[in-house]
Amino acid sequence: MKIGEVSRRSGVSARSLRYYEQHGLISARRESNGYREYDDSTVERAEIIQMLFGMDFPREVVTSVLACTGDAPAAAHEALAEQLVHVRAELAERIERLSATHRQVSAFLEEHGR
């Protein structure tokens, strides 16, 4: 299927799909006219990639998550686990900052009767 069809079915922009391909997250074969031709599995893979990027996972983690699909070797799972330890720590820090901001906003609103 062409890039426009993958975009329509996955909800991922053609520009993002090109970015994913450029970084080896998805692949397509080229037809003789130069058009990209994707297989059906690309739709689900693109949705997963978009979800992971939407959660602010860095590209390296996204790559590792994708490497753990199918019959991935134990080493791929171990590498992902190591990366996720760091992601979890970063998430905890972000949660704490957001919680502090939430407390400040709540205090301000309470002071102003809201």
PDB file of N, CA and C in Angstrom:
ATOM      1  N   MET A   1       0.847  -1.174   0.000  1.00  0.00           N
ATOM      2  CA  MET A   1       0.000   0.000   0.000  1.00  0.00           C
ATOM      3  C   MET A   1       0.890   1.233   0.000  1.00  0.00           C
ATOM      4  N   LYS A   2       0.367   2.302  -0.526  1.00  0.00           N
ATOM      5  CA  LYS A   2       1.107   3.558  -0.634  1.00  0.00           C
ATOM      6  C   LYS A   2       1.108   4.298   0.703  1.00  0.00           C
ATOM      7  N   ILE A   3       1.973   5.275   0.824  1.00  0.00           N
ATOM      8  CA  ILE A   3       2.140   6.019   2.064  1.00  0.00           C
ATOM      9  C   ILE A   3       0.845   6.724   2.482  1.00  0.00           C
ATOM     10  N   GLY A   4       0.080   7.219   1.519  1.00  0.00           N
ATOM     11  CA  GLY A   4      -1.175   7.887   1.839  1.00  0.00           C
ATOM     12  C   GLY A   4      -2.174   6.951   2.486  1.00  0.00           C
ATOM     13  N   GLU A   5      -2.212   5.711   2.037  1.00  0.00           N
ATOM     14  CA  GLU A   5      -3.112   4.707   2.612  1.00  0.00           C
ATOM     15  C   GLU A   5      -2.666   4.334   4.022  1.00  0.00           C
ATOM     16  N   VAL A   6      -1.363   4.180   4.227  1.00  0.00           N
ATOM     17  CA  VAL A   6      -0.852   3.892   5.576  1.00  0.00           C
ATOM     18  C   VAL A   6      -1.201   5.046   6.501  1.00  0.00           C
ATOM     19  N   SER A   7      -1.022   6.260   6.012  1.00  0.00           N
ATOM     20  CA  SER A   7      -1.342   7.445   6.802  1.00  0.00           C
ATOM     21  C   SER A   7      -2.823   7.483   7.164  1.00  0.00           C
ATOM     22  N   ARG A   8      -3.670   7.229   6.195  1.00  0.00           N
ATOM     23  CA  ARG A   8      -5.114   7.262   6.440  1.00  0.00           C
ATOM     24  C   ARG A   8      -5.532   6.189   7.435  1.00  0.00           C
ATOM     25  N   ARG A   9      -5.013   4.989   7.275  1.00  0.00           N
ATOM     26  CA  ARG A   9      -5.422   3.875   8.126  1.00  0.00           C
ATOM     27  C   ARG A   9      -4.836   3.953   9.527  1.00  0.00           C
ATOM     28  N   SER A  10      -3.647   4.527   9.656  1.00  0.00           N
ATOM     29  CA  SER A  10      -2.975   4.571  10.958  1.00  0.00           C
ATOM     30  C   SER A  10      -3.212   5.873  11.712  1.00  0.00           C
ATOM     31  N   GLY A  11      -3.569   6.932  10.982  1.00  0.00           N
ATOM     32  CA  GLY A  11      -3.694   8.236  11.616  1.00  0.00           C
ATOM     33  C   GLY A  11      -2.355   8.933  11.804  1.00  0.00           C
ATOM     34  N   VAL A  12      -1.303   8.389  11.217  1.00  0.00           N
ATOM     35  CA  VAL A  12       0.042   8.957  11.304  1.00  0.00           C
ATOM     36  C   VAL A  12       0.307   9.719  10.013  1.00  0.00           C
ATOM     37  N   SER A  13       0.815  10.935  10.133  1.00  0.00           N
ATOM     38  CA  SER A  13       1.044  11.743   8.936  1.00  0.00           C
ATOM     39  C   SER A  13       2.102  11.103   8.034  1.00  0.00           C
ATOM     40  N   ALA A  14       2.004  11.401   6.751  1.00  0.00           N
ATOM     41  CA  ALA A  14       2.985  10.902   5.788  1.00  0.00           C
ATOM     42  C   ALA A  14       4.376  11.409   6.154  1.00  0.00           C
ATOM     43  N   ARG A  15       4.451  12.620   6.653  1.00  0.00           N
ATOM     44  CA  ARG A  15       5.749  13.176   7.058  1.00  0.00           C
ATOM     45  C   ARG A  15       6.363  12.344   8.178  1.00  0.00           C
ATOM     46  N   SER A  16       5.535  11.975   9.166  1.00  0.00           N
ATOM     47  CA  SER A  16       6.032  11.142  10.266  1.00  0.00           C
ATOM     48  C   SER A  16       6.444   9.770   9.756  1.00  0.00           C
ATOM     49  N   LEU A  17       5.665   9.215   8.842  1.00  0.00           N
ATOM     50  CA  LEU A  17       6.022   7.914   8.284  1.00  0.00           C
ATOM     51  C   LEU A  17       7.377   7.968   7.585  1.00  0.00           C
ATOM     52  N   ARG A  18       7.633   9.044   6.872  1.00  0.00           N
ATOM     53  CA  ARG A  18       8.938   9.201   6.213  1.00  0.00           C
ATOM     54  C   ARG A  18      10.060   9.287   7.255  1.00  0.00           C
ATOM     55  N   TYR A  19       9.791  10.001   8.345  1.00  0.00           N
ATOM     56  CA  TYR A  19      10.757  10.112   9.446  1.00  0.00           C
ATOM     57  C   TYR A  19      11.020   8.727  10.036  1.00  0.00           C
ATOM     58  N   TYR A  20       9.952   7.974  10.290  1.00  0.00           N
ATOM     59  CA  TYR A  20      10.107   6.631  10.842  1.00  0.00           C
ATOM     60  C   TYR A  20      10.954   5.769   9.915  1.00  0.00           C
ATOM     61  N   GLU A  21      10.705   5.886   8.626  1.00  0.00           N
ATOM     62  CA  GLU A  21      11.470   5.098   7.665  1.00  0.00           C
ATOM     63  C   GLU A  21      12.930   5.548   7.637  1.00  0.00           C
ATOM     64  N   GLN A  22      13.153   6.846   7.666  1.00  0.00           N
ATOM     65  CA  GLN A  22      14.509   7.390   7.643  1.00  0.00           C
ATOM     66  C   GLN A  22      15.336   6.852   8.811  1.00  0.00           C
ATOM     67  N   HIS A  23      14.677   6.630   9.952  1.00  0.00           N
ATOM     68  CA  HIS A  23      15.380   6.159  11.146  1.00  0.00           C
ATOM     69  C   HIS A  23      15.250   4.656  11.364  1.00  0.00           C
ATOM     70  N   GLY A  24      14.776   3.950  10.341  1.00  0.00           N
ATOM     71  CA  GLY A  24      14.747   2.500  10.390  1.00  0.00           C
ATOM     72  C   GLY A  24      13.660   1.894  11.265  1.00  0.00           C
ATOM     73  N   LEU A  25      12.655   2.682  11.625  1.00  0.00           N
ATOM     74  CA  LEU A  25      11.578   2.172  12.471  1.00  0.00           C
ATOM     75  C   LEU A  25      10.532   1.412  11.666  1.00  0.00           C
ATOM     76  N   ILE A  26      10.354   1.800  10.414  1.00  0.00           N
ATOM     77  CA  ILE A  26       9.509   1.071   9.467  1.00  0.00           C
ATOM     78  C   ILE A  26      10.299   0.947   8.169  1.00  0.00           C
ATOM     79  N   SER A  27       9.830   0.077   7.306  1.00  0.00           N
ATOM     80  CA  SER A  27      10.515  -0.059   6.020  1.00  0.00           C
ATOM     81  C   SER A  27       9.492  -0.218   4.911  1.00  0.00           C
ATOM     82  N   ALA A  28       9.926   0.142   3.739  1.00  0.00           N
ATOM     83  CA  ALA A  28       9.098   0.009   2.543  1.00  0.00           C
ATOM     84  C   ALA A  28      10.008  -0.401   1.403  1.00  0.00           C
ATOM     85  N   ARG A  29       9.433  -1.072   0.467  1.00  0.00           N
ATOM     86  CA  ARG A  29      10.213  -1.335  -0.744  1.00  0.00           C
ATOM     87  C   ARG A  29       9.842  -0.260  -1.760  1.00  0.00           C
ATOM     88  N   ARG A  30      10.752  -0.007  -2.630  1.00  0.00           N
ATOM     89  CA  ARG A  30      10.538   1.007  -3.659  1.00  0.00           C
ATOM     90  C   ARG A  30      10.086   0.351  -4.950  1.00  0.00           C
ATOM     91  N   GLU A  31       9.043   0.916  -5.528  1.00  0.00           N
ATOM     92  CA  GLU A  31       8.589   0.447  -6.836  1.00  0.00           C
ATOM     93  C   GLU A  31       9.472   1.068  -7.914  1.00  0.00           C
ATOM     94  N   SER A  32       9.322   0.617  -9.129  1.00  0.00           N
ATOM     95  CA  SER A  32      10.153   1.117 -10.224  1.00  0.00           C
ATOM     96  C   SER A  32       9.961   2.616 -10.445  1.00  0.00           C
ATOM     97  N   ASN A  33       8.775   3.143 -10.079  1.00  0.00           N
ATOM     98  CA  ASN A  33       8.531   4.575 -10.235  1.00  0.00           C
ATOM     99  C   ASN A  33       9.010   5.380  -9.022  1.00  0.00           C
ATOM    100  N   GLY A  34       9.620   4.708  -8.040  1.00  0.00           N
ATOM    101  CA  GLY A  34      10.164   5.390  -6.874  1.00  0.00           C
ATOM    102  C   GLY A  34       9.198   5.494  -5.705  1.00  0.00           C
ATOM    103  N   TYR A  35       7.946   5.122  -5.900  1.00  0.00           N
ATOM    104  CA  TYR A  35       6.965   5.186  -4.814  1.00  0.00           C
ATOM    105  C   TYR A  35       7.271   4.131  -3.764  1.00  0.00           C
ATOM    106  N   ARG A  36       6.990   4.484  -2.522  1.00  0.00           N
ATOM    107  CA  ARG A  36       7.135   3.524  -1.436  1.00  0.00           C
ATOM    108  C   ARG A  36       5.941   2.572  -1.454  1.00  0.00           C
ATOM    109  N   GLU A  37       6.214   1.318  -1.168  1.00  0.00           N
ATOM    110  CA  GLU A  37       5.158   0.310  -1.058  1.00  0.00           C
ATOM    111  C   GLU A  37       5.306  -0.369   0.305  1.00  0.00           C
ATOM    112  N   TYR A  38       4.296  -0.187   1.163  1.00  0.00           N
ATOM    113  CA  TYR A  38       4.318  -0.730   2.509  1.00  0.00           C
ATOM    114  C   TYR A  38       3.433  -1.966   2.592  1.00  0.00           C
ATOM    115  N   ASP A  39       3.767  -2.877   3.512  1.00  0.00           N
ATOM    116  CA  ASP A  39       2.880  -4.018   3.710  1.00  0.00           C
ATOM    117  C   ASP A  39       1.878  -3.684   4.822  1.00  0.00           C
ATOM    118  N   ASP A  40       0.882  -4.539   4.979  1.00  0.00           N
ATOM    119  CA  ASP A  40      -0.209  -4.274   5.918  1.00  0.00           C
ATOM    120  C   ASP A  40       0.257  -4.112   7.361  1.00  0.00           C
ATOM    121  N   SER A  41       1.320  -4.791   7.756  1.00  0.00           N
ATOM    122  CA  SER A  41       1.793  -4.715   9.141  1.00  0.00           C
ATOM    123  C   SER A  41       2.312  -3.324   9.507  1.00  0.00           C
ATOM    124  N   THR A  42       2.611  -2.508   8.508  1.00  0.00           N
ATOM    125  CA  THR A  42       3.137  -1.170   8.764  1.00  0.00           C
ATOM    126  C   THR A  42       2.116  -0.295   9.483  1.00  0.00           C
ATOM    127  N   VAL A  43       0.841  -0.515   9.230  1.00  0.00           N
ATOM    128  CA  VAL A  43      -0.198   0.304   9.857  1.00  0.00           C
ATOM    129  C   VAL A  43      -0.121   0.169  11.376  1.00  0.00           C
ATOM    130  N   GLU A  44      -0.131  -1.057  11.871  1.00  0.00           N
ATOM    131  CA  GLU A  44      -0.074  -1.276  13.322  1.00  0.00           C
ATOM    132  C   GLU A  44       1.254  -0.799  13.899  1.00  0.00           C
ATOM    133  N   ARG A  45       2.330  -1.064  13.200  1.00  0.00           N
ATOM    134  CA  ARG A  45       3.648  -0.640  13.674  1.00  0.00           C
ATOM    135  C   ARG A  45       3.713   0.884  13.774  1.00  0.00           C
ATOM    136  N   ALA A  46       3.174   1.583  12.789  1.00  0.00           N
ATOM    137  CA  ALA A  46       3.167   3.050  12.815  1.00  0.00           C
ATOM    138  C   ALA A  46       2.339   3.570  13.983  1.00  0.00           C
ATOM    139  N   GLU A  47       1.222   2.914  14.268  1.00  0.00           N
ATOM    140  CA  GLU A  47       0.383   3.321  15.406  1.00  0.00           C
ATOM    141  C   GLU A  47       1.139   3.157  16.718  1.00  0.00           C
ATOM    142  N   ILE A  48       1.859   2.065  16.850  1.00  0.00           N
ATOM    143  CA  ILE A  48       2.643   1.818  18.065  1.00  0.00           C
ATOM    144  C   ILE A  48       3.747   2.851  18.205  1.00  0.00           C
ATOM    145  N   ILE A  49       4.446   3.119  17.124  1.00  0.00           N
ATOM    146  CA  ILE A  49       5.528   4.111  17.154  1.00  0.00           C
ATOM    147  C   ILE A  49       4.975   5.471  17.555  1.00  0.00           C
ATOM    148  N   GLN A  50       3.862   5.868  16.962  1.00  0.00           N
ATOM    149  CA  GLN A  50       3.273   7.158  17.282  1.00  0.00           C
ATOM    150  C   GLN A  50       2.868   7.219  18.758  1.00  0.00           C
ATOM    151  N   MET A  51       2.302   6.137  19.275  1.00  0.00           N
ATOM    152  CA  MET A  51       1.912   6.103  20.679  1.00  0.00           C
ATOM    153  C   MET A  51       3.139   6.267  21.583  1.00  0.00           C
ATOM    154  N   LEU A  52       4.220   5.571  21.263  1.00  0.00           N
ATOM    155  CA  LEU A  52       5.431   5.653  22.079  1.00  0.00           C
ATOM    156  C   LEU A  52       6.039   7.051  22.028  1.00  0.00           C
ATOM    157  N   PHE A  53       6.107   7.640  20.832  1.00  0.00           N
ATOM    158  CA  PHE A  53       6.605   9.009  20.732  1.00  0.00           C
ATOM    159  C   PHE A  53       5.673   9.975  21.457  1.00  0.00           C
ATOM    160  N   GLY A  54       4.377   9.706  21.414  1.00  0.00           N
ATOM    161  CA  GLY A  54       3.404  10.538  22.118  1.00  0.00           C
ATOM    162  C   GLY A  54       3.579  10.500  23.622  1.00  0.00           C
ATOM    163  N   MET A  55       4.182   9.432  24.121  1.00  0.00           N
ATOM    164  CA  MET A  55       4.480   9.318  25.545  1.00  0.00           C
ATOM    165  C   MET A  55       5.874   9.858  25.857  1.00  0.00           C
ATOM    166  N   ASP A  56       6.454  10.538  24.877  1.00  0.00           N
ATOM    167  CA  ASP A  56       7.786  11.150  25.007  1.00  0.00           C
ATOM    168  C   ASP A  56       8.919  10.145  25.180  1.00  0.00           C
ATOM    169  N   PHE A  57       8.738   8.931  24.671  1.00  0.00           N
ATOM    170  CA  PHE A  57       9.841   7.976  24.706  1.00  0.00           C
ATOM    171  C   PHE A  57      10.866   8.417  23.673  1.00  0.00           C
ATOM    172  N   PRO A  58      12.146   8.381  24.019  1.00  0.00           N
ATOM    173  CA  PRO A  58      13.167   8.730  23.027  1.00  0.00           C
ATOM    174  C   PRO A  58      13.243   7.666  21.937  1.00  0.00           C
ATOM    175  N   ARG A  59      13.778   8.061  20.798  1.00  0.00           N
ATOM    176  CA  ARG A  59      13.846   7.162  19.640  1.00  0.00           C
ATOM    177  C   ARG A  59      14.570   5.866  19.972  1.00  0.00           C
ATOM    178  N   GLU A  60      15.606   5.927  20.799  1.00  0.00           N
ATOM    179  CA  GLU A  60      16.357   4.727  21.153  1.00  0.00           C
ATOM    180  C   GLU A  60      15.470   3.720  21.882  1.00  0.00           C
ATOM    181  N   VAL A  61      14.587   4.212  22.760  1.00  0.00           N
ATOM    182  CA  VAL A  61      13.680   3.325  23.485  1.00  0.00           C
ATOM    183  C   VAL A  61      12.636   2.761  22.528  1.00  0.00           C
ATOM    184  N   VAL A  62      12.128   3.602  21.642  1.00  0.00           N
ATOM    185  CA  VAL A  62      11.151   3.131  20.652  1.00  0.00           C
ATOM    186  C   VAL A  62      11.771   2.004  19.827  1.00  0.00           C
ATOM    187  N   THR A  63      12.999   2.185  19.405  1.00  0.00           N
ATOM    188  CA  THR A  63      13.700   1.163  18.635  1.00  0.00           C
ATOM    189  C   THR A  63      13.814  -0.129  19.440  1.00  0.00           C
ATOM    190  N   SER A  64      14.133  -0.016  20.720  1.00  0.00           N
ATOM    191  CA  SER A  64      14.265  -1.201  21.568  1.00  0.00           C
ATOM    192  C   SER A  64      12.928  -1.897  21.789  1.00  0.00           C
ATOM    193  N   VAL A  65      11.869  -1.119  21.967  1.00  0.00           N
ATOM    194  CA  VAL A  65      10.544  -1.714  22.121  1.00  0.00           C
ATOM    195  C   VAL A  65      10.196  -2.510  20.867  1.00  0.00           C
ATOM    196  N   LEU A  66      10.432  -1.921  19.716  1.00  0.00           N
ATOM    197  CA  LEU A  66      10.122  -2.604  18.461  1.00  0.00           C
ATOM    198  C   LEU A  66      10.977  -3.856  18.281  1.00  0.00           C
ATOM    199  N   ALA A  67      12.197  -3.823  18.798  1.00  0.00           N
ATOM    200  CA  ALA A  67      13.087  -4.980  18.684  1.00  0.00           C
ATOM    201  C   ALA A  67      12.615  -6.145  19.550  1.00  0.00           C
ATOM    202  N   CYS A  68      11.739  -5.872  20.497  1.00  0.00           N
ATOM    203  CA  CYS A  68      11.248  -6.918  21.404  1.00  0.00           C
ATOM    204  C   CYS A  68       9.971  -7.576  20.911  1.00  0.00           C
ATOM    205  N   THR A  69       9.574  -7.314  19.705  1.00  0.00           N
ATOM    206  CA  THR A  69       8.380  -7.949  19.163  1.00  0.00           C
ATOM    207  C   THR A  69       8.757  -9.258  18.490  1.00  0.00           C
ATOM    208  N   GLY A  70       7.813 -10.149  18.414  1.00  0.00           N
ATOM    209  CA  GLY A  70       8.069 -11.434  17.761  1.00  0.00           C
ATOM    210  C   GLY A  70       9.001 -12.305  18.572  1.00  0.00           C
ATOM    211  N   ASP A  71       9.902 -12.971  17.899  1.00  0.00           N
ATOM    212  CA  ASP A  71      10.847 -13.886  18.548  1.00  0.00           C
ATOM    213  C   ASP A  71      12.148 -13.173  18.878  1.00  0.00           C
ATOM    214  N   ALA A  72      12.052 -12.137  19.664  1.00  0.00           N
ATOM    215  CA  ALA A  72      13.238 -11.354  20.002  1.00  0.00           C
ATOM    216  C   ALA A  72      14.113 -12.132  20.986  1.00  0.00           C
ATOM    217  N   PRO A  73      15.425 -11.992  20.844  1.00  0.00           N
ATOM    218  CA  PRO A  73      16.325 -12.677  21.779  1.00  0.00           C
ATOM    219  C   PRO A  73      16.272 -12.042  23.167  1.00  0.00           C
ATOM    220  N   ALA A  74      16.685 -12.799  24.154  1.00  0.00           N
ATOM    221  CA  ALA A  74      16.679 -12.311  25.537  1.00  0.00           C
ATOM    222  C   ALA A  74      17.503 -11.033  25.679  1.00  0.00           C
ATOM    223  N   ALA A  75      18.560 -10.917  24.907  1.00  0.00           N
ATOM    224  CA  ALA A  75      19.414  -9.721  24.996  1.00  0.00           C
ATOM    225  C   ALA A  75      18.634  -8.461  24.631  1.00  0.00           C
ATOM    226  N   ALA A  76      17.706  -8.565  23.686  1.00  0.00           N
ATOM    227  CA  ALA A  76      16.894  -7.404  23.311  1.00  0.00           C
ATOM    228  C   ALA A  76      15.994  -6.995  24.468  1.00  0.00           C
ATOM    229  N   HIS A  77      15.436  -7.975  25.157  1.00  0.00           N
ATOM    230  CA  HIS A  77      14.582  -7.675  26.308  1.00  0.00           C
ATOM    231  C   HIS A  77      15.396  -7.054  27.443  1.00  0.00           C
ATOM    232  N   GLU A  78      16.595  -7.553  27.641  1.00  0.00           N
ATOM    233  CA  GLU A  78      17.462  -7.012  28.691  1.00  0.00           C
ATOM    234  C   GLU A  78      17.856  -5.569  28.376  1.00  0.00           C
ATOM    235  N   ALA A  79      18.178  -5.288  27.117  1.00  0.00           N
ATOM    236  CA  ALA A  79      18.533  -3.921  26.718  1.00  0.00           C
ATOM    237  C   ALA A  79      17.351  -2.978  26.929  1.00  0.00           C
ATOM    238  N   LEU A  80      16.164  -3.442  26.581  1.00  0.00           N
ATOM    239  CA  LEU A  80      14.977  -2.618  26.787  1.00  0.00           C
ATOM    240  C   LEU A  80      14.746  -2.377  28.273  1.00  0.00           C
ATOM    241  N   ALA A  81      14.897  -3.400  29.087  1.00  0.00           N
ATOM    242  CA  ALA A  81      14.702  -3.244  30.531  1.00  0.00           C
ATOM    243  C   ALA A  81      15.644  -2.190  31.101  1.00  0.00           C
ATOM    244  N   GLU A  82      16.893  -2.205  30.651  1.00  0.00           N
ATOM    245  CA  GLU A  82      17.862  -1.196  31.113  1.00  0.00           C
ATOM    246  C   GLU A  82      17.418   0.211  30.727  1.00  0.00           C
ATOM    247  N   GLN A  83      16.955   0.363  29.508  1.00  0.00           N
ATOM    248  CA  GLN A  83      16.491   1.681  29.065  1.00  0.00           C
ATOM    249  C   GLN A  83      15.260   2.110  29.847  1.00  0.00           C
ATOM    250  N   LEU A  84      14.368   1.174  30.117  1.00  0.00           N
ATOM    251  CA  LEU A  84      13.133   1.523  30.823  1.00  0.00           C
ATOM    252  C   LEU A  84      13.378   1.897  32.279  1.00  0.00           C
ATOM    253  N   VAL A  85      14.465   1.420  32.865  1.00  0.00           N
ATOM    254  CA  VAL A  85      14.833   1.864  34.212  1.00  0.00           C
ATOM    255  C   VAL A  85      15.044   3.377  34.201  1.00  0.00           C
ATOM    256  N   HIS A  86      15.731   3.868  33.187  1.00  0.00           N
ATOM    257  CA  HIS A  86      15.982   5.309  33.067  1.00  0.00           C
ATOM    258  C   HIS A  86      14.695   6.063  32.735  1.00  0.00           C
ATOM    259  N   VAL A  87      13.889   5.495  31.869  1.00  0.00           N
ATOM    260  CA  VAL A  87      12.612   6.131  31.523  1.00  0.00           C
ATOM    261  C   VAL A  87      11.744   6.253  32.768  1.00  0.00           C
ATOM    262  N   ARG A  88      11.692   5.194  33.568  1.00  0.00           N
ATOM    263  CA  ARG A  88      10.885   5.226  34.784  1.00  0.00           C
ATOM    264  C   ARG A  88      11.363   6.325  35.737  1.00  0.00           C
ATOM    265  N   ALA A  89      12.671   6.466  35.879  1.00  0.00           N
ATOM    266  CA  ALA A  89      13.216   7.511  36.754  1.00  0.00           C
ATOM    267  C   ALA A  89      12.852   8.909  36.233  1.00  0.00           C
ATOM    268  N   GLU A  90      12.950   9.092  34.926  1.00  0.00           N
ATOM    269  CA  GLU A  90      12.575  10.378  34.332  1.00  0.00           C
ATOM    270  C   GLU A  90      11.083  10.656  34.518  1.00  0.00           C
ATOM    271  N   LEU A  91      10.261   9.627  34.374  1.00  0.00           N
ATOM    272  CA  LEU A  91       8.820   9.795  34.581  1.00  0.00           C
ATOM    273  C   LEU A  91       8.518  10.190  36.029  1.00  0.00           C
ATOM    274  N   ALA A  92       9.202   9.567  36.965  1.00  0.00           N
ATOM    275  CA  ALA A  92       8.997   9.896  38.382  1.00  0.00           C
ATOM    276  C   ALA A  92       9.337  11.356  38.644  1.00  0.00           C
ATOM    277  N   GLU A  93      10.421  11.841  38.048  1.00  0.00           N
ATOM    278  CA  GLU A  93      10.799  13.247  38.199  1.00  0.00           C
ATOM    279  C   GLU A  93       9.741  14.170  37.600  1.00  0.00           C
ATOM    280  N   ARG A  94       9.251  13.820  36.430  1.00  0.00           N
ATOM    281  CA  ARG A  94       8.223  14.639  35.779  1.00  0.00           C
ATOM    282  C   ARG A  94       6.944  14.650  36.592  1.00  0.00           C
ATOM    283  N   ILE A  95       6.574  13.495  37.131  1.00  0.00           N
ATOM    284  CA  ILE A  95       5.368  13.418  37.963  1.00  0.00           C
ATOM    285  C   ILE A  95       5.515  14.314  39.177  1.00  0.00           C
ATOM    286  N   GLU A  96       6.683  14.297  39.803  1.00  0.00           N
ATOM    287  CA  GLU A  96       6.908  15.143  40.985  1.00  0.00           C
ATOM    288  C   GLU A  96       6.808  16.622  40.623  1.00  0.00           C
ATOM    289  N   ARG A  97       7.392  17.016  39.494  1.00  0.00           N
ATOM    290  CA  ARG A  97       7.311  18.423  39.072  1.00  0.00           C
ATOM    291  C   ARG A  97       5.865  18.805  38.772  1.00  0.00           C
ATOM    292  N   LEU A  98       5.137  17.926  38.087  1.00  0.00           N
ATOM    293  CA  LEU A  98       3.734  18.219  37.788  1.00  0.00           C
ATOM    294  C   LEU A  98       2.896  18.279  39.052  1.00  0.00           C
ATOM    295  N   SER A  99       3.176  17.403  39.992  1.00  0.00           N
ATOM    296  CA  SER A  99       2.445  17.419  41.260  1.00  0.00           C
ATOM    297  C   SER A  99       2.703  18.712  42.022  1.00  0.00           C
ATOM    298  N   ALA A 100       3.945  19.163  42.016  1.00  0.00           N
ATOM    299  CA  ALA A 100       4.270  20.427  42.685  1.00  0.00           C
ATOM    300  C   ALA A 100       3.555  21.589  42.013  1.00  0.00           C
ATOM    301  N   THR A 101       3.533  21.589  40.697  1.00  0.00           N
ATOM    302  CA  THR A 101       2.821  22.641  39.962  1.00  0.00           C
ATOM    303  C   THR A 101       1.328  22.574  40.264  1.00  0.00           C
ATOM    304  N   HIS A 102       0.780  21.389  40.321  1.00  0.00           N
ATOM    305  CA  HIS A 102      -0.641  21.213  40.644  1.00  0.00           C
ATOM    306  C   HIS A 102      -0.942  21.772  42.031  1.00  0.00           C
ATOM    307  N   ARG A 103      -0.073  21.499  42.996  1.00  0.00           N
ATOM    308  CA  ARG A 103      -0.276  22.034  44.349  1.00  0.00           C
ATOM    309  C   ARG A 103      -0.249  23.558  44.346  1.00  0.00           C
ATOM    310  N   GLN A 104       0.663  24.145  43.590  1.00  0.00           N
ATOM    311  CA  GLN A 104       0.760  25.598  43.523  1.00  0.00           C
ATOM    312  C   GLN A 104      -0.474  26.211  42.878  1.00  0.00           C
ATOM    313  N   VAL A 105      -0.935  25.623  41.803  1.00  0.00           N
ATOM    314  CA  VAL A 105      -2.135  26.124  41.131  1.00  0.00           C
ATOM    315  C   VAL A 105      -3.340  25.993  42.057  1.00  0.00           C
ATOM    316  N   SER A 106      -3.454  24.865  42.738  1.00  0.00           N
ATOM    317  CA  SER A 106      -4.570  24.658  43.664  1.00  0.00           C
ATOM    318  C   SER A 106      -4.549  25.677  44.800  1.00  0.00           C
ATOM    319  N   ALA A 107      -3.365  25.937  45.335  1.00  0.00           N
ATOM    320  CA  ALA A 107      -3.255  26.927  46.414  1.00  0.00           C
ATOM    321  C   ALA A 107      -3.663  28.307  45.915  1.00  0.00           C
ATOM    322  N   PHE A 108      -3.216  28.675  44.744  1.00  0.00           N
ATOM    323  CA  PHE A 108      -3.584  29.974  44.172  1.00  0.00           C
ATOM    324  C   PHE A 108      -5.106  30.076  44.021  1.00  0.00           C
ATOM    325  N   LEU A 109      -5.717  29.042  43.466  1.00  0.00           N
ATOM    326  CA  LEU A 109      -7.160  29.051  43.250  1.00  0.00           C
ATOM    327  C   LEU A 109      -7.923  29.091  44.569  1.00  0.00           C
ATOM    328  N   GLU A 110      -7.431  28.385  45.570  1.00  0.00           N
ATOM    329  CA  GLU A 110      -8.075  28.432  46.881  1.00  0.00           C
ATOM    330  C   GLU A 110      -8.039  29.833  47.467  1.00  0.00           C
ATOM    331  N   GLU A 111      -6.907  30.507  47.289  1.00  0.00           N
ATOM    332  CA  GLU A 111      -6.766  31.875  47.785  1.00  0.00           C
ATOM    333  C   GLU A 111      -7.746  32.820  47.089  1.00  0.00           C
ATOM    334  N   HIS A 112      -8.136  32.480  45.904  1.00  0.00           N
ATOM    335  CA  HIS A 112      -9.032  33.324  45.119  1.00  0.00           C
ATOM    336  C   HIS A 112     -10.437  32.757  45.041  1.00  0.00           C
ATOM    337  N   GLY A 113     -10.763  31.871  45.983  1.00  0.00           N
ATOM    338  CA  GLY A 113     -12.123  31.375  46.107  1.00  0.00           C
ATOM    339  C   GLY A 113     -12.608  30.486  44.981  1.00  0.00           C
ATOM    340  N   ARG A 114     -11.727  29.774  44.408  1.00  0.00           N
ATOM    341  CA  ARG A 114     -12.152  28.879  43.303  1.00  0.00           C
ATOM    342  C   ARG A 114     -11.784  27.465  43.559  1.00  0.00           C
TER     343      ARG A 114
END
